[in-house]
Amino acid sequence: MPTDNPPTGPRRTPGVTQPDTMFASRSVPVHLVRGALGLPMMVAAFVLVPWWGPLTLLLVVPAAVLLRGCPTCWALGLAQTCALSPRAGAGGSRPPR
């Protein structure tokens, strides 16, 4: 027997899609720290191969975890995080000090 109760859960507006936030972080500073740790680690993994051998390629794993993929994925996540941040609608103006 069907019920007349409205469906529970988030409402979806037809024709409006939710933003993709697969690579976004909680905040811009958190995302920048992930990049500041991951990007040098990724570069070091390849630069140090002639001196330390292929063992340095193991640095790619934690770097990929920090960057959530490749450096391009990190940059995409930075754009997503900036777009979702509360200051995104501020029009680029800085608050007075």
PDB file of N, CA and C in Angstrom:
ATOM      1  N   MET A   1       0.842  -1.169   0.000  1.00  0.00           N
ATOM      2  CA  MET A   1       0.000   0.000   0.000  1.00  0.00           C
ATOM      3  C   MET A   1       0.894   1.242   0.000  1.00  0.00           C
ATOM      4  N   PRO A   2       0.809   2.110  -1.006  1.00  0.00           N
ATOM      5  CA  PRO A   2       1.656   3.303  -1.064  1.00  0.00           C
ATOM      6  C   PRO A   2       1.250   4.311  -0.005  1.00  0.00           C
ATOM      7  N   THR A   3       2.243   5.028   0.471  1.00  0.00           N
ATOM      8  CA  THR A   3       1.991   6.071   1.461  1.00  0.00           C
ATOM      9  C   THR A   3       2.135   7.432   0.804  1.00  0.00           C
ATOM     10  N   ASP A   4       1.541   8.441   1.404  1.00  0.00           N
ATOM     11  CA  ASP A   4       1.611   9.793   0.870  1.00  0.00           C
ATOM     12  C   ASP A   4       2.660  10.635   1.581  1.00  0.00           C
ATOM     13  N   ASN A   5       3.586   9.986   2.264  1.00  0.00           N
ATOM     14  CA  ASN A   5       4.635  10.715   2.976  1.00  0.00           C
ATOM     15  C   ASN A   5       5.637  11.271   1.967  1.00  0.00           C
ATOM     16  N   PRO A   6       6.098  12.502   2.165  1.00  0.00           N
ATOM     17  CA  PRO A   6       7.113  13.042   1.256  1.00  0.00           C
ATOM     18  C   PRO A   6       8.444  12.314   1.453  1.00  0.00           C
ATOM     19  N   PRO A   7       9.262  12.226   0.415  1.00  0.00           N
ATOM     20  CA  PRO A   7      10.544  11.532   0.560  1.00  0.00           C
ATOM     21  C   PRO A   7      11.469  12.306   1.492  1.00  0.00           C
ATOM     22  N   THR A   8      12.263  11.565   2.229  1.00  0.00           N
ATOM     23  CA  THR A   8      13.219  12.193   3.130  1.00  0.00           C
ATOM     24  C   THR A   8      14.562  12.283   2.429  1.00  0.00           C
ATOM     25  N   GLY A   9      15.399  13.183   2.878  1.00  0.00           N
ATOM     26  CA  GLY A   9      16.720  13.349   2.272  1.00  0.00           C
ATOM     27  C   GLY A   9      16.799  14.689   1.564  1.00  0.00           C
ATOM     28  N   PRO A  10      17.951  14.952   0.978  1.00  0.00           N
ATOM     29  CA  PRO A  10      18.125  16.248   0.321  1.00  0.00           C
ATOM     30  C   PRO A  10      17.273  16.362  -0.937  1.00  0.00           C
ATOM     31  N   ARG A  11      16.746  17.549  -1.152  1.00  0.00           N
ATOM     32  CA  ARG A  11      15.954  17.798  -2.354  1.00  0.00           C
ATOM     33  C   ARG A  11      16.873  18.048  -3.529  1.00  0.00           C
ATOM     34  N   ARG A  12      16.470  17.596  -4.665  1.00  0.00           N
ATOM     35  CA  ARG A  12      17.236  17.848  -5.885  1.00  0.00           C
ATOM     36  C   ARG A  12      16.383  18.658  -6.832  1.00  0.00           C
ATOM     37  N   THR A  13      16.947  19.738  -7.303  1.00  0.00           N
ATOM     38  CA  THR A  13      16.253  20.566  -8.264  1.00  0.00           C
ATOM     39  C   THR A  13      16.538  20.011  -9.655  1.00  0.00           C
ATOM     40  N   PRO A  14      15.514  19.759 -10.441  1.00  0.00           N
ATOM     41  CA  PRO A  14      15.759  19.216 -11.777  1.00  0.00           C
ATOM     42  C   PRO A  14      16.625  20.168 -12.611  1.00  0.00           C
ATOM     43  N   GLY A  15      17.614  19.603 -13.279  1.00  0.00           N
ATOM     44  CA  GLY A  15      18.490  20.387 -14.131  1.00  0.00           C
ATOM     45  C   GLY A  15      19.644  21.058 -13.420  1.00  0.00           C
ATOM     46  N   VAL A  16      19.718  20.974 -12.089  1.00  0.00           N
ATOM     47  CA  VAL A  16      20.803  21.582 -11.332  1.00  0.00           C
ATOM     48  C   VAL A  16      21.658  20.459 -10.765  1.00  0.00           C
ATOM     49  N   THR A  17      22.936  20.478 -11.096  1.00  0.00           N
ATOM     50  CA  THR A  17      23.831  19.438 -10.598  1.00  0.00           C
ATOM     51  C   THR A  17      24.621  19.954  -9.405  1.00  0.00           C
ATOM     52  N   GLN A  18      24.997  19.051  -8.547  1.00  0.00           N
ATOM     53  CA  GLN A  18      25.807  19.392  -7.386  1.00  0.00           C
ATOM     54  C   GLN A  18      27.258  19.565  -7.840  1.00  0.00           C
ATOM     55  N   PRO A  19      28.019  20.477  -7.215  1.00  0.00           N
ATOM     56  CA  PRO A  19      29.413  20.666  -7.623  1.00  0.00           C
ATOM     57  C   PRO A  19      30.246  19.436  -7.285  1.00  0.00           C
ATOM     58  N   ASP A  20      31.205  19.151  -8.141  1.00  0.00           N
ATOM     59  CA  ASP A  20      32.108  18.029  -7.913  1.00  0.00           C
ATOM     60  C   ASP A  20      33.188  18.477  -6.934  1.00  0.00           C
ATOM     61  N   THR A  21      33.261  17.813  -5.807  1.00  0.00           N
ATOM     62  CA  THR A  21      34.233  18.188  -4.780  1.00  0.00           C
ATOM     63  C   THR A  21      35.178  17.038  -4.468  1.00  0.00           C
ATOM     64  N   MET A  22      35.477  16.222  -5.456  1.00  0.00           N
ATOM     65  CA  MET A  22      36.307  15.040  -5.241  1.00  0.00           C
ATOM     66  C   MET A  22      37.704  15.393  -4.723  1.00  0.00           C
ATOM     67  N   PHE A  23      38.279  16.489  -5.197  1.00  0.00           N
ATOM     68  CA  PHE A  23      39.645  16.836  -4.829  1.00  0.00           C
ATOM     69  C   PHE A  23      39.722  17.983  -3.825  1.00  0.00           C
ATOM     70  N   ALA A  24      38.599  18.543  -3.406  1.00  0.00           N
ATOM     71  CA  ALA A  24      38.597  19.699  -2.507  1.00  0.00           C
ATOM     72  C   ALA A  24      38.987  19.288  -1.084  1.00  0.00           C
ATOM     73  N   SER A  25      39.565  20.236  -0.351  1.00  0.00           N
ATOM     74  CA  SER A  25      39.921  20.036   1.053  1.00  0.00           C
ATOM     75  C   SER A  25      38.958  20.815   1.933  1.00  0.00           C
ATOM     76  N   ARG A  26      39.131  20.696   3.248  1.00  0.00           N
ATOM     77  CA  ARG A  26      38.260  21.401   4.194  1.00  0.00           C
ATOM     78  C   ARG A  26      38.419  22.910   4.098  1.00  0.00           C
ATOM     79  N   SER A  27      39.666  23.368   3.861  1.00  0.00           N
ATOM     80  CA  SER A  27      39.913  24.806   3.770  1.00  0.00           C
ATOM     81  C   SER A  27      41.101  25.044   2.845  1.00  0.00           C
ATOM     82  N   VAL A  28      41.259  26.282   2.425  1.00  0.00           N
ATOM     83  CA  VAL A  28      42.374  26.635   1.539  1.00  0.00           C
ATOM     84  C   VAL A  28      43.720  26.446   2.241  1.00  0.00           C
ATOM     85  N   PRO A  29      43.891  26.882   3.503  1.00  0.00           N
ATOM     86  CA  PRO A  29      45.185  26.648   4.159  1.00  0.00           C
ATOM     87  C   PRO A  29      45.547  25.161   4.265  1.00  0.00           C
ATOM     88  N   VAL A  30      44.561  24.324   4.561  1.00  0.00           N
ATOM     89  CA  VAL A  30      44.827  22.878   4.634  1.00  0.00           C
ATOM     90  C   VAL A  30      45.280  22.371   3.265  1.00  0.00           C
ATOM     91  N   HIS A  31      44.642  22.842   2.211  1.00  0.00           N
ATOM     92  CA  HIS A  31      45.000  22.403   0.868  1.00  0.00           C
ATOM     93  C   HIS A  31      46.404  22.882   0.503  1.00  0.00           C
ATOM     94  N   LEU A  32      46.754  24.097   0.884  1.00  0.00           N
ATOM     95  CA  LEU A  32      48.091  24.613   0.595  1.00  0.00           C
ATOM     96  C   LEU A  32      49.169  23.842   1.351  1.00  0.00           C
ATOM     97  N   VAL A  33      48.887  23.424   2.575  1.00  0.00           N
ATOM     98  CA  VAL A  33      49.844  22.614   3.335  1.00  0.00           C
ATOM     99  C   VAL A  33      50.035  21.269   2.658  1.00  0.00           C
ATOM    100  N   ARG A  34      48.942  20.672   2.177  1.00  0.00           N
ATOM    101  CA  ARG A  34      49.055  19.392   1.458  1.00  0.00           C
ATOM    102  C   ARG A  34      49.953  19.554   0.231  1.00  0.00           C
ATOM    103  N   GLY A  35      49.812  20.657  -0.465  1.00  0.00           N
ATOM    104  CA  GLY A  35      50.651  20.905  -1.630  1.00  0.00           C
ATOM    105  C   GLY A  35      52.093  21.185  -1.254  1.00  0.00           C
ATOM    106  N   ALA A  36      52.291  21.940  -0.179  1.00  0.00           N
ATOM    107  CA  ALA A  36      53.647  22.274   0.267  1.00  0.00           C
ATOM    108  C   ALA A  36      54.415  21.035   0.716  1.00  0.00           C
ATOM    109  N   LEU A  37      53.733  20.026   1.165  1.00  0.00           N
ATOM    110  CA  LEU A  37      54.381  18.772   1.551  1.00  0.00           C
ATOM    111  C   LEU A  37      54.481  17.801   0.372  1.00  0.00           C
ATOM    112  N   GLY A  38      53.438  17.729  -0.428  1.00  0.00           N
ATOM    113  CA  GLY A  38      53.379  16.735  -1.493  1.00  0.00           C
ATOM    114  C   GLY A  38      54.206  17.058  -2.718  1.00  0.00           C
ATOM    115  N   LEU A  39      54.204  18.322  -3.154  1.00  0.00           N
ATOM    116  CA  LEU A  39      54.933  18.677  -4.377  1.00  0.00           C
ATOM    117  C   LEU A  39      56.448  18.475  -4.245  1.00  0.00           C
ATOM    118  N   PRO A  40      57.103  18.956  -3.168  1.00  0.00           N
ATOM    119  CA  PRO A  40      58.546  18.689  -3.039  1.00  0.00           C
ATOM    120  C   PRO A  40      58.852  17.198  -2.897  1.00  0.00           C
ATOM    121  N   MET A  41      57.965  16.460  -2.254  1.00  0.00           N
ATOM    122  CA  MET A  41      58.172  15.025  -2.108  1.00  0.00           C
ATOM    123  C   MET A  41      58.113  14.326  -3.473  1.00  0.00           C
ATOM    124  N   MET A  42      57.184  14.765  -4.329  1.00  0.00           N
ATOM    125  CA  MET A  42      57.064  14.193  -5.666  1.00  0.00           C
ATOM    126  C   MET A  42      58.307  14.509  -6.498  1.00  0.00           C
ATOM    127  N   VAL A  43      58.788  15.742  -6.426  1.00  0.00           N
ATOM    128  CA  VAL A  43      59.992  16.130  -7.171  1.00  0.00           C
ATOM    129  C   VAL A  43      61.203  15.356  -6.655  1.00  0.00           C
ATOM    130  N   ALA A  44      61.343  15.248  -5.333  1.00  0.00           N
ATOM    131  CA  ALA A  44      62.476  14.537  -4.736  1.00  0.00           C
ATOM    132  C   ALA A  44      62.492  13.071  -5.141  1.00  0.00           C
ATOM    133  N   ALA A  45      61.326  12.482  -5.316  1.00  0.00           N
ATOM    134  CA  ALA A  45      61.260  11.069  -5.690  1.00  0.00           C
ATOM    135  C   ALA A  45      61.969  10.812  -7.010  1.00  0.00           C
ATOM    136  N   PHE A  46      61.902  11.755  -7.940  1.00  0.00           N
ATOM    137  CA  PHE A  46      62.533  11.559  -9.244  1.00  0.00           C
ATOM    138  C   PHE A  46      63.934  12.156  -9.320  1.00  0.00           C
ATOM    139  N   VAL A  47      64.183  13.246  -8.611  1.00  0.00           N
ATOM    140  CA  VAL A  47      65.494  13.893  -8.661  1.00  0.00           C
ATOM    141  C   VAL A  47      66.553  13.056  -7.947  1.00  0.00           C
ATOM    142  N   LEU A  48      66.189  12.379  -6.883  1.00  0.00           N
ATOM    143  CA  LEU A  48      67.162  11.631  -6.081  1.00  0.00           C
ATOM    144  C   LEU A  48      67.465  10.236  -6.609  1.00  0.00           C
ATOM    145  N   VAL A  49      66.828   9.810  -7.690  1.00  0.00           N
ATOM    146  CA  VAL A  49      67.054   8.455  -8.226  1.00  0.00           C
ATOM    147  C   VAL A  49      68.518   8.216  -8.596  1.00  0.00           C
ATOM    148  N   PRO A  50      69.227   9.154  -9.230  1.00  0.00           N
ATOM    149  CA  PRO A  50      70.622   8.867  -9.585  1.00  0.00           C
ATOM    150  C   PRO A  50      71.533   8.630  -8.375  1.00  0.00           C
ATOM    151  N   TRP A  51      71.218   9.208  -7.245  1.00  0.00           N
ATOM    152  CA  TRP A  51      72.077   9.062  -6.075  1.00  0.00           C
ATOM    153  C   TRP A  51      71.622   7.935  -5.147  1.00  0.00           C
ATOM    154  N   TRP A  52      70.347   7.797  -4.927  1.00  0.00           N
ATOM    155  CA  TRP A  52      69.851   6.809  -3.974  1.00  0.00           C
ATOM    156  C   TRP A  52      69.203   5.607  -4.624  1.00  0.00           C
ATOM    157  N   GLY A  53      69.051   5.623  -5.912  1.00  0.00           N
ATOM    158  CA  GLY A  53      68.489   4.484  -6.626  1.00  0.00           C
ATOM    159  C   GLY A  53      66.972   4.493  -6.626  1.00  0.00           C
ATOM    160  N   PRO A  54      66.398   3.409  -7.148  1.00  0.00           N
ATOM    161  CA  PRO A  54      64.942   3.340  -7.305  1.00  0.00           C
ATOM    162  C   PRO A  54      64.172   3.329  -5.982  1.00  0.00           C
ATOM    163  N   LEU A  55      64.876   3.156  -4.877  1.00  0.00           N
ATOM    164  CA  LEU A  55      64.198   3.180  -3.576  1.00  0.00           C
ATOM    165  C   LEU A  55      63.505   4.519  -3.334  1.00  0.00           C
ATOM    166  N   THR A  56      64.056   5.599  -3.889  1.00  0.00           N
ATOM    167  CA  THR A  56      63.451   6.917  -3.681  1.00  0.00           C
ATOM    168  C   THR A  56      62.097   7.042  -4.375  1.00  0.00           C
ATOM    169  N   LEU A  57      61.824   6.172  -5.340  1.00  0.00           N
ATOM    170  CA  LEU A  57      60.522   6.233  -6.007  1.00  0.00           C
ATOM    171  C   LEU A  57      59.379   5.876  -5.057  1.00  0.00           C
ATOM    172  N   LEU A  58      59.713   5.300  -3.905  1.00  0.00           N
ATOM    173  CA  LEU A  58      58.679   5.040  -2.891  1.00  0.00           C
ATOM    174  C   LEU A  58      58.103   6.339  -2.330  1.00  0.00           C
ATOM    175  N   LEU A  59      58.809   7.458  -2.518  1.00  0.00           N
ATOM    176  CA  LEU A  59      58.278   8.757  -2.076  1.00  0.00           C
ATOM    177  C   LEU A  59      57.060   9.180  -2.895  1.00  0.00           C
ATOM    178  N   VAL A  60      56.881   8.579  -4.054  1.00  0.00           N
ATOM    179  CA  VAL A  60      55.729   8.921  -4.888  1.00  0.00           C
ATOM    180  C   VAL A  60      54.423   8.548  -4.185  1.00  0.00           C
ATOM    181  N   VAL A  61      54.427   7.475  -3.427  1.00  0.00           N
ATOM    182  CA  VAL A  61      53.190   7.002  -2.776  1.00  0.00           C
ATOM    183  C   VAL A  61      52.657   8.024  -1.768  1.00  0.00           C
ATOM    184  N   PRO A  62      53.446   8.445  -0.759  1.00  0.00           N
ATOM    185  CA  PRO A  62      52.888   9.453   0.160  1.00  0.00           C
ATOM    186  C   PRO A  62      52.629  10.791  -0.528  1.00  0.00           C
ATOM    187  N   ALA A  63      53.431  11.126  -1.550  1.00  0.00           N
ATOM    188  CA  ALA A  63      53.184  12.376  -2.274  1.00  0.00           C
ATOM    189  C   ALA A  63      51.846  12.316  -2.995  1.00  0.00           C
ATOM    190  N   ALA A  64      51.537  11.185  -3.613  1.00  0.00           N
ATOM    191  CA  ALA A  64      50.253  11.035  -4.314  1.00  0.00           C
ATOM    192  C   ALA A  64      49.089  11.074  -3.335  1.00  0.00           C
ATOM    193  N   VAL A  65      49.289  10.552  -2.132  1.00  0.00           N
ATOM    194  CA  VAL A  65      48.232  10.611  -1.118  1.00  0.00           C
ATOM    195  C   VAL A  65      48.003  12.058  -0.686  1.00  0.00           C
ATOM    196  N   LEU A  66      49.088  12.802  -0.456  1.00  0.00           N
ATOM    197  CA  LEU A  66      48.954  14.202  -0.050  1.00  0.00           C
ATOM    198  C   LEU A  66      48.318  15.043  -1.150  1.00  0.00           C
ATOM    199  N   LEU A  67      48.705  14.794  -2.398  1.00  0.00           N
ATOM    200  CA  LEU A  67      48.183  15.587  -3.508  1.00  0.00           C
ATOM    201  C   LEU A  67      46.832  15.078  -4.012  1.00  0.00           C
ATOM    202  N   ARG A  68      46.390  13.950  -3.494  1.00  0.00           N
ATOM    203  CA  ARG A  68      45.172  13.283  -3.974  1.00  0.00           C
ATOM    204  C   ARG A  68      45.274  12.979  -5.462  1.00  0.00           C
ATOM    205  N   GLY A  69      46.430  12.486  -5.846  1.00  0.00           N
ATOM    206  CA  GLY A  69      46.688  12.136  -7.237  1.00  0.00           C
ATOM    207  C   GLY A  69      47.942  12.834  -7.725  1.00  0.00           C
ATOM    208  N   CYS A  70      47.866  13.375  -8.901  1.00  0.00           N
ATOM    209  CA  CYS A  70      49.009  14.053  -9.506  1.00  0.00           C
ATOM    210  C   CYS A  70      48.965  15.553  -9.171  1.00  0.00           C
ATOM    211  N   PRO A  71      50.005  16.313  -9.549  1.00  0.00           N
ATOM    212  CA  PRO A  71      49.970  17.757  -9.299  1.00  0.00           C
ATOM    213  C   PRO A  71      48.785  18.461  -9.967  1.00  0.00           C
ATOM    214  N   THR A  72      48.337  17.961 -11.090  1.00  0.00           N
ATOM    215  CA  THR A  72      47.165  18.554 -11.737  1.00  0.00           C
ATOM    216  C   THR A  72      45.914  18.328 -10.891  1.00  0.00           C
ATOM    217  N   CYS A  73      45.811  17.158 -10.280  1.00  0.00           N
ATOM    218  CA  CYS A  73      44.678  16.880  -9.387  1.00  0.00           C
ATOM    219  C   CYS A  73      44.704  17.836  -8.189  1.00  0.00           C
ATOM    220  N   TRP A  74      45.905  18.120  -7.691  1.00  0.00           N
ATOM    221  CA  TRP A  74      46.021  19.053  -6.576  1.00  0.00           C
ATOM    222  C   TRP A  74      45.553  20.446  -6.991  1.00  0.00           C
ATOM    223  N   ALA A  75      45.962  20.892  -8.180  1.00  0.00           N
ATOM    224  CA  ALA A  75      45.561  22.214  -8.661  1.00  0.00           C
ATOM    225  C   ALA A  75      44.049  22.286  -8.861  1.00  0.00           C
ATOM    226  N   LEU A  76      43.459  21.222  -9.381  1.00  0.00           N
ATOM    227  CA  LEU A  76      42.005  21.170  -9.531  1.00  0.00           C
ATOM    228  C   LEU A  76      41.330  21.243  -8.168  1.00  0.00           C
ATOM    229  N   GLY A  77      41.878  20.540  -7.191  1.00  0.00           N
ATOM    230  CA  GLY A  77      41.343  20.594  -5.834  1.00  0.00           C
ATOM    231  C   GLY A  77      41.465  21.973  -5.218  1.00  0.00           C
ATOM    232  N   LEU A  78      42.547  22.686  -5.529  1.00  0.00           N
ATOM    233  CA  LEU A  78      42.698  24.046  -5.028  1.00  0.00           C
ATOM    234  C   LEU A  78      41.610  24.941  -5.597  1.00  0.00           C
ATOM    235  N   ALA A  79      41.330  24.800  -6.881  1.00  0.00           N
ATOM    236  CA  ALA A  79      40.256  25.589  -7.496  1.00  0.00           C
ATOM    237  C   ALA A  79      38.906  25.246  -6.874  1.00  0.00           C
ATOM    238  N   GLN A  80      38.654  23.954  -6.624  1.00  0.00           N
ATOM    239  CA  GLN A  80      37.389  23.545  -6.000  1.00  0.00           C
ATOM    240  C   GLN A  80      37.288  24.075  -4.579  1.00  0.00           C
ATOM    241  N   THR A  81      38.388  24.000  -3.831  1.00  0.00           N
ATOM    242  CA  THR A  81      38.374  24.473  -2.448  1.00  0.00           C
ATOM    243  C   THR A  81      38.143  25.979  -2.405  1.00  0.00           C
ATOM    244  N   CYS A  82      38.785  26.721  -3.304  1.00  0.00           N
ATOM    245  CA  CYS A  82      38.583  28.175  -3.351  1.00  0.00           C
ATOM    246  C   CYS A  82      37.141  28.511  -3.722  1.00  0.00           C
ATOM    247  N   ALA A  83      36.567  27.758  -4.647  1.00  0.00           N
ATOM    248  CA  ALA A  83      35.194  28.023  -5.066  1.00  0.00           C
ATOM    249  C   ALA A  83      34.194  27.729  -3.959  1.00  0.00           C
ATOM    250  N   LEU A  84      34.501  26.773  -3.101  1.00  0.00           N
ATOM    251  CA  LEU A  84      33.577  26.389  -2.033  1.00  0.00           C
ATOM    252  C   LEU A  84      33.822  27.131  -0.727  1.00  0.00           C
ATOM    253  N   SER A  85      34.912  27.906  -0.655  1.00  0.00           N
ATOM    254  CA  SER A  85      35.230  28.589   0.597  1.00  0.00           C
ATOM    255  C   SER A  85      34.222  29.699   0.855  1.00  0.00           C
ATOM    256  N   PRO A  86      34.000  30.053   2.114  1.00  0.00           N
ATOM    257  CA  PRO A  86      33.032  31.095   2.447  1.00  0.00           C
ATOM    258  C   PRO A  86      33.392  32.452   1.851  1.00  0.00           C
ATOM    259  N   ARG A  87      34.664  32.701   1.587  1.00  0.00           N
ATOM    260  CA  ARG A  87      35.097  33.980   1.029  1.00  0.00           C
ATOM    261  C   ARG A  87      34.941  34.025  -0.481  1.00  0.00           C
ATOM    262  N   ALA A  88      34.481  32.943  -1.101  1.00  0.00           N
ATOM    263  CA  ALA A  88      34.380  32.894  -2.566  1.00  0.00           C
ATOM    264  C   ALA A  88      33.431  33.970  -3.093  1.00  0.00           C
ATOM    265  N   GLY A  89      32.426  34.313  -2.338  1.00  0.00           N
ATOM    266  CA  GLY A  89      31.466  35.319  -2.795  1.00  0.00           C
ATOM    267  C   GLY A  89      31.847  36.729  -2.414  1.00  0.00           C
ATOM    268  N   ALA A  90      33.045  36.938  -1.869  1.00  0.00           N
ATOM    269  CA  ALA A  90      33.465  38.254  -1.403  1.00  0.00           C
ATOM    270  C   ALA A  90      33.919  39.161  -2.533  1.00  0.00           C
ATOM    271  N   GLY A  91      33.978  38.650  -3.739  1.00  0.00           N
ATOM    272  CA  GLY A  91      34.383  39.479  -4.878  1.00  0.00           C
ATOM    273  C   GLY A  91      35.856  39.816  -4.886  1.00  0.00           C
ATOM    274  N   GLY A  92      36.659  39.056  -4.154  1.00  0.00           N
ATOM    275  CA  GLY A  92      38.099  39.279  -4.146  1.00  0.00           C
ATOM    276  C   GLY A  92      38.550  40.389  -3.226  1.00  0.00           C
ATOM    277  N   SER A  93      37.644  41.037  -2.516  1.00  0.00           N
ATOM    278  CA  SER A  93      38.053  42.113  -1.615  1.00  0.00           C
ATOM    279  C   SER A  93      38.568  41.529  -0.316  1.00  0.00           C
ATOM    280  N   ARG A  94      39.541  42.202   0.237  1.00  0.00           N
ATOM    281  CA  ARG A  94      40.105  41.762   1.505  1.00  0.00           C
ATOM    282  C   ARG A  94      39.441  42.514   2.652  1.00  0.00           C
ATOM    283  N   PRO A  95      39.274  41.871   3.801  1.00  0.00           N
ATOM    284  CA  PRO A  95      38.666  42.569   4.937  1.00  0.00           C
ATOM    285  C   PRO A  95      39.630  43.632   5.462  1.00  0.00           C
ATOM    286  N   PRO A  96      39.115  44.729   5.995  1.00  0.00           N
ATOM    287  CA  PRO A  96      39.993  45.770   6.550  1.00  0.00           C
ATOM    288  C   PRO A  96      40.729  45.251   7.776  1.00  0.00           C
ATOM    289  N   ARG A  97      41.929  45.774   7.970  1.00  0.00           N
ATOM    290  CA  ARG A  97      42.730  45.333   9.135  1.00  0.00           C
ATOM    291  C   ARG A  97      42.645  46.322  10.247  1.00  0.00           C
TER     292      ARG A  97
END
